[in-house]
Amino acid sequence: MDFQAANQTMHAIETQWHYDILTRHGFHAETPSAQGFVRSYTYTHPTGASVMCVTGSNTDYWRAGDGSQGFWTSLEDWAASVSAGV
């Protein structure tokens, strides 16, 4: 597969590293799939919280609607605090 063709590949959200973390804490995936090497996926929580996860970049990261942000290592703690209402 050449570079251009590879960048057209669709990636289902269920196959991404953040999916299990966020759904376990009650988040709902708003983005069913994304295309290309660098992709972003959006989730919402019943509390009104939202988060966008970016993957395929030099370093995967997340950014929440409340201004919180971090790398994949901190997503679990942030999601748990949203679920707990902290």
N, C-alpha and C. Protein backbone atom coordinates (compact mmCIF):
# COMPACT_ATOMS: atom_id res chain seq x y z
N MET A 1 0.86 -1.18 0.00
CA MET A 1 0.00 0.00 0.00
C MET A 1 0.90 1.24 0.00
N ASP A 2 0.61 2.17 -0.87
CA ASP A 2 1.42 3.38 -0.90
C ASP A 2 0.95 4.38 0.17
N PHE A 3 1.72 5.44 0.33
CA PHE A 3 1.46 6.44 1.36
C PHE A 3 0.07 7.07 1.22
N GLN A 4 -0.29 7.49 0.02
CA GLN A 4 -1.59 8.13 -0.20
C GLN A 4 -2.75 7.20 0.12
N ALA A 5 -2.63 5.96 -0.31
CA ALA A 5 -3.69 4.98 -0.04
C ALA A 5 -3.78 4.70 1.46
N ALA A 6 -2.65 4.59 2.12
CA ALA A 6 -2.65 4.33 3.56
C ALA A 6 -3.32 5.46 4.34
N ASN A 7 -3.17 6.69 3.88
CA ASN A 7 -3.76 7.83 4.56
C ASN A 7 -5.27 7.90 4.37
N GLN A 8 -5.83 7.08 3.51
CA GLN A 8 -7.28 7.02 3.29
C GLN A 8 -7.96 5.97 4.15
N THR A 9 -7.20 5.20 4.90
CA THR A 9 -7.74 4.12 5.71
C THR A 9 -8.68 4.66 6.79
N MET A 10 -9.84 4.02 6.93
CA MET A 10 -10.79 4.37 7.98
C MET A 10 -10.49 3.55 9.23
N HIS A 11 -10.61 4.17 10.38
CA HIS A 11 -10.33 3.52 11.66
C HIS A 11 -11.57 3.62 12.55
N ALA A 12 -12.18 2.50 12.86
CA ALA A 12 -13.36 2.47 13.74
C ALA A 12 -12.96 2.87 15.15
N ILE A 13 -13.83 3.60 15.82
CA ILE A 13 -13.51 4.08 17.16
C ILE A 13 -13.26 2.94 18.14
N GLU A 14 -13.96 1.82 17.94
CA GLU A 14 -13.80 0.69 18.87
C GLU A 14 -12.40 0.11 18.85
N THR A 15 -11.61 0.42 17.83
CA THR A 15 -10.25 -0.11 17.74
C THR A 15 -9.21 0.83 18.34
N GLN A 16 -9.63 1.96 18.86
CA GLN A 16 -8.69 2.96 19.36
C GLN A 16 -8.43 2.81 20.85
N TRP A 17 -7.25 3.21 21.30
CA TRP A 17 -6.80 3.02 22.69
C TRP A 17 -7.73 3.70 23.70
N HIS A 18 -8.35 4.80 23.37
CA HIS A 18 -9.16 5.56 24.32
C HIS A 18 -10.57 5.02 24.49
N TYR A 19 -11.04 4.20 23.55
CA TYR A 19 -12.43 3.74 23.56
C TYR A 19 -12.77 2.97 24.84
N ASP A 20 -11.99 1.96 25.18
CA ASP A 20 -12.28 1.17 26.39
C ASP A 20 -12.21 2.01 27.66
N ILE A 21 -11.24 2.90 27.73
CA ILE A 21 -11.10 3.75 28.92
C ILE A 21 -12.35 4.61 29.10
N LEU A 22 -12.75 5.30 28.07
CA LEU A 22 -13.84 6.25 28.20
C LEU A 22 -15.21 5.59 28.32
N THR A 23 -15.46 4.54 27.55
CA THR A 23 -16.77 3.88 27.68
C THR A 23 -16.93 3.23 29.04
N ARG A 24 -15.85 2.75 29.62
CA ARG A 24 -15.89 2.17 30.96
C ARG A 24 -16.33 3.19 32.00
N HIS A 25 -16.07 4.48 31.72
CA HIS A 25 -16.44 5.55 32.64
C HIS A 25 -17.70 6.30 32.20
N GLY A 26 -18.48 5.69 31.32
CA GLY A 26 -19.78 6.24 30.96
C GLY A 26 -19.81 7.23 29.81
N PHE A 27 -18.71 7.37 29.11
CA PHE A 27 -18.68 8.28 27.96
C PHE A 27 -19.30 7.62 26.74
N HIS A 28 -19.90 8.43 25.88
CA HIS A 28 -20.51 7.97 24.64
C HIS A 28 -19.70 8.49 23.47
N ALA A 29 -19.34 7.61 22.55
CA ALA A 29 -18.57 8.00 21.38
C ALA A 29 -19.45 8.75 20.39
N GLU A 30 -19.07 9.96 20.02
CA GLU A 30 -19.79 10.76 19.04
C GLU A 30 -19.23 10.57 17.64
N THR A 31 -17.98 10.13 17.54
CA THR A 31 -17.30 9.94 16.26
C THR A 31 -17.18 8.44 16.01
N PRO A 32 -17.95 7.88 15.08
CA PRO A 32 -17.90 6.43 14.87
C PRO A 32 -16.62 5.95 14.20
N SER A 33 -16.02 6.79 13.37
CA SER A 33 -14.77 6.41 12.71
C SER A 33 -14.08 7.67 12.21
N ALA A 34 -12.80 7.53 11.90
CA ALA A 34 -12.03 8.66 11.36
C ALA A 34 -11.04 8.13 10.34
N GLN A 35 -10.62 9.01 9.48
CA GLN A 35 -9.78 8.61 8.35
C GLN A 35 -8.39 9.22 8.46
N GLY A 36 -7.39 8.45 8.03
CA GLY A 36 -6.04 8.99 7.89
C GLY A 36 -5.09 8.59 9.00
N PHE A 37 -3.89 9.13 8.90
CA PHE A 37 -2.84 8.82 9.88
C PHE A 37 -3.10 9.50 11.22
N VAL A 38 -3.49 10.77 11.19
CA VAL A 38 -3.79 11.51 12.42
C VAL A 38 -5.30 11.69 12.47
N ARG A 39 -5.89 11.22 13.59
CA ARG A 39 -7.35 11.20 13.70
C ARG A 39 -7.78 11.79 15.03
N SER A 40 -8.99 12.36 15.05
CA SER A 40 -9.56 12.83 16.31
C SER A 40 -10.94 12.21 16.49
N TYR A 41 -11.25 11.92 17.73
CA TYR A 41 -12.52 11.29 18.11
C TYR A 41 -13.10 12.09 19.27
N THR A 42 -14.41 12.31 19.25
CA THR A 42 -15.07 13.08 20.29
C THR A 42 -16.01 12.18 21.10
N TYR A 43 -16.03 12.41 22.40
CA TYR A 43 -16.91 11.68 23.33
C TYR A 43 -17.65 12.68 24.19
N THR A 44 -18.84 12.29 24.65
CA THR A 44 -19.58 13.10 25.62
C THR A 44 -19.97 12.20 26.80
N HIS A 45 -20.25 12.85 27.92
CA HIS A 45 -20.63 12.14 29.16
C HIS A 45 -21.97 12.70 29.61
N PRO A 46 -22.81 11.90 30.26
CA PRO A 46 -24.10 12.39 30.74
C PRO A 46 -24.01 13.63 31.64
N THR A 47 -22.86 13.86 32.25
CA THR A 47 -22.69 15.05 33.10
C THR A 47 -22.52 16.32 32.28
N GLY A 48 -22.35 16.16 30.96
CA GLY A 48 -22.11 17.31 30.09
C GLY A 48 -20.65 17.46 29.70
N ALA A 49 -19.80 16.66 30.31
CA ALA A 49 -18.37 16.72 29.97
C ALA A 49 -18.16 16.21 28.54
N SER A 50 -17.15 16.75 27.89
CA SER A 50 -16.79 16.28 26.55
C SER A 50 -15.27 16.20 26.45
N VAL A 51 -14.81 15.33 25.57
CA VAL A 51 -13.37 15.18 25.38
C VAL A 51 -13.09 14.78 23.94
N MET A 52 -12.00 15.29 23.41
CA MET A 52 -11.54 14.92 22.08
C MET A 52 -10.20 14.22 22.25
N CYS A 53 -10.07 13.04 21.67
CA CYS A 53 -8.82 12.30 21.71
C CYS A 53 -8.21 12.30 20.32
N VAL A 54 -6.92 12.58 20.25
CA VAL A 54 -6.20 12.61 18.99
C VAL A 54 -5.18 11.49 19.00
N THR A 55 -5.17 10.70 17.96
CA THR A 55 -4.25 9.58 17.87
C THR A 55 -3.63 9.54 16.48
N GLY A 56 -2.47 8.91 16.41
CA GLY A 56 -1.74 8.83 15.16
C GLY A 56 -0.76 9.98 14.99
N SER A 57 -0.74 10.90 15.94
CA SER A 57 0.19 12.02 15.89
C SER A 57 1.50 11.61 16.54
N ASN A 58 2.42 12.52 16.62
CA ASN A 58 3.72 12.23 17.22
C ASN A 58 3.55 11.70 18.64
N THR A 59 2.59 12.24 19.35
CA THR A 59 2.25 11.74 20.68
C THR A 59 0.74 11.86 20.85
N ASP A 60 0.07 10.78 21.16
CA ASP A 60 -1.38 10.81 21.32
C ASP A 60 -1.74 11.68 22.52
N TYR A 61 -2.82 12.44 22.39
CA TYR A 61 -3.23 13.32 23.49
C TYR A 61 -4.74 13.45 23.52
N TRP A 62 -5.23 14.09 24.59
CA TRP A 62 -6.66 14.36 24.74
C TRP A 62 -6.83 15.78 25.24
N ARG A 63 -8.00 16.37 24.93
CA ARG A 63 -8.33 17.71 25.39
C ARG A 63 -9.82 17.73 25.71
N ALA A 64 -10.16 18.13 26.92
CA ALA A 64 -11.55 18.14 27.38
C ALA A 64 -12.18 19.51 27.18
N GLY A 65 -13.50 19.54 27.16
CA GLY A 65 -14.24 20.78 27.00
C GLY A 65 -14.02 21.76 28.14
N ASP A 66 -13.62 21.26 29.30
CA ASP A 66 -13.38 22.15 30.45
C ASP A 66 -11.97 22.72 30.47
N GLY A 67 -11.18 22.42 29.44
CA GLY A 67 -9.81 22.94 29.38
C GLY A 67 -8.75 21.96 29.86
N SER A 68 -9.17 20.86 30.47
CA SER A 68 -8.21 19.84 30.90
C SER A 68 -7.59 19.21 29.66
N GLN A 69 -6.35 18.77 29.80
CA GLN A 69 -5.70 18.09 28.69
C GLN A 69 -4.55 17.24 29.20
N GLY A 70 -4.12 16.32 28.39
CA GLY A 70 -3.01 15.48 28.79
C GLY A 70 -2.69 14.45 27.73
N PHE A 71 -1.81 13.55 28.10
CA PHE A 71 -1.42 12.46 27.22
C PHE A 71 -2.16 11.20 27.64
N TRP A 72 -2.01 10.13 26.91
CA TRP A 72 -2.81 8.92 27.14
C TRP A 72 -2.67 8.41 28.57
N THR A 73 -1.54 8.64 29.20
CA THR A 73 -1.31 8.14 30.56
C THR A 73 -2.22 8.78 31.60
N SER A 74 -2.78 9.95 31.31
CA SER A 74 -3.62 10.64 32.30
C SER A 74 -5.11 10.57 32.00
N LEU A 75 -5.50 9.98 30.89
CA LEU A 75 -6.91 9.95 30.50
C LEU A 75 -7.77 9.16 31.49
N GLU A 76 -7.29 8.04 31.94
CA GLU A 76 -8.05 7.20 32.88
C GLU A 76 -8.41 7.97 34.14
N ASP A 77 -7.45 8.67 34.74
CA ASP A 77 -7.72 9.42 35.97
C ASP A 77 -8.73 10.54 35.73
N TRP A 78 -8.60 11.25 34.62
CA TRP A 78 -9.54 12.33 34.32
C TRP A 78 -10.95 11.76 34.12
N ALA A 79 -11.09 10.69 33.34
CA ALA A 79 -12.39 10.08 33.09
C ALA A 79 -13.03 9.59 34.38
N ALA A 80 -12.23 9.00 35.27
CA ALA A 80 -12.74 8.53 36.56
C ALA A 80 -13.25 9.70 37.40
N SER A 81 -12.55 10.82 37.36
CA SER A 81 -13.00 11.98 38.14
C SER A 81 -14.31 12.54 37.59
N VAL A 82 -14.51 12.50 36.29
CA VAL A 82 -15.78 12.93 35.69
C VAL A 82 -16.90 12.00 36.14
N SER A 83 -16.66 10.70 36.06
CA SER A 83 -17.67 9.72 36.47
C SER A 83 -18.04 9.85 37.93
N ALA A 84 -17.07 10.18 38.75
CA ALA A 84 -17.31 10.31 40.19
C ALA A 84 -17.91 11.67 40.55
N GLY A 85 -17.96 12.57 39.58
CA GLY A 85 -18.50 13.90 39.86
C GLY A 85 -17.55 14.79 40.59
N VAL A 86 -16.28 14.50 40.50
CA VAL A 86 -15.26 15.31 41.21
C VAL A 86 -14.94 16.54 40.43
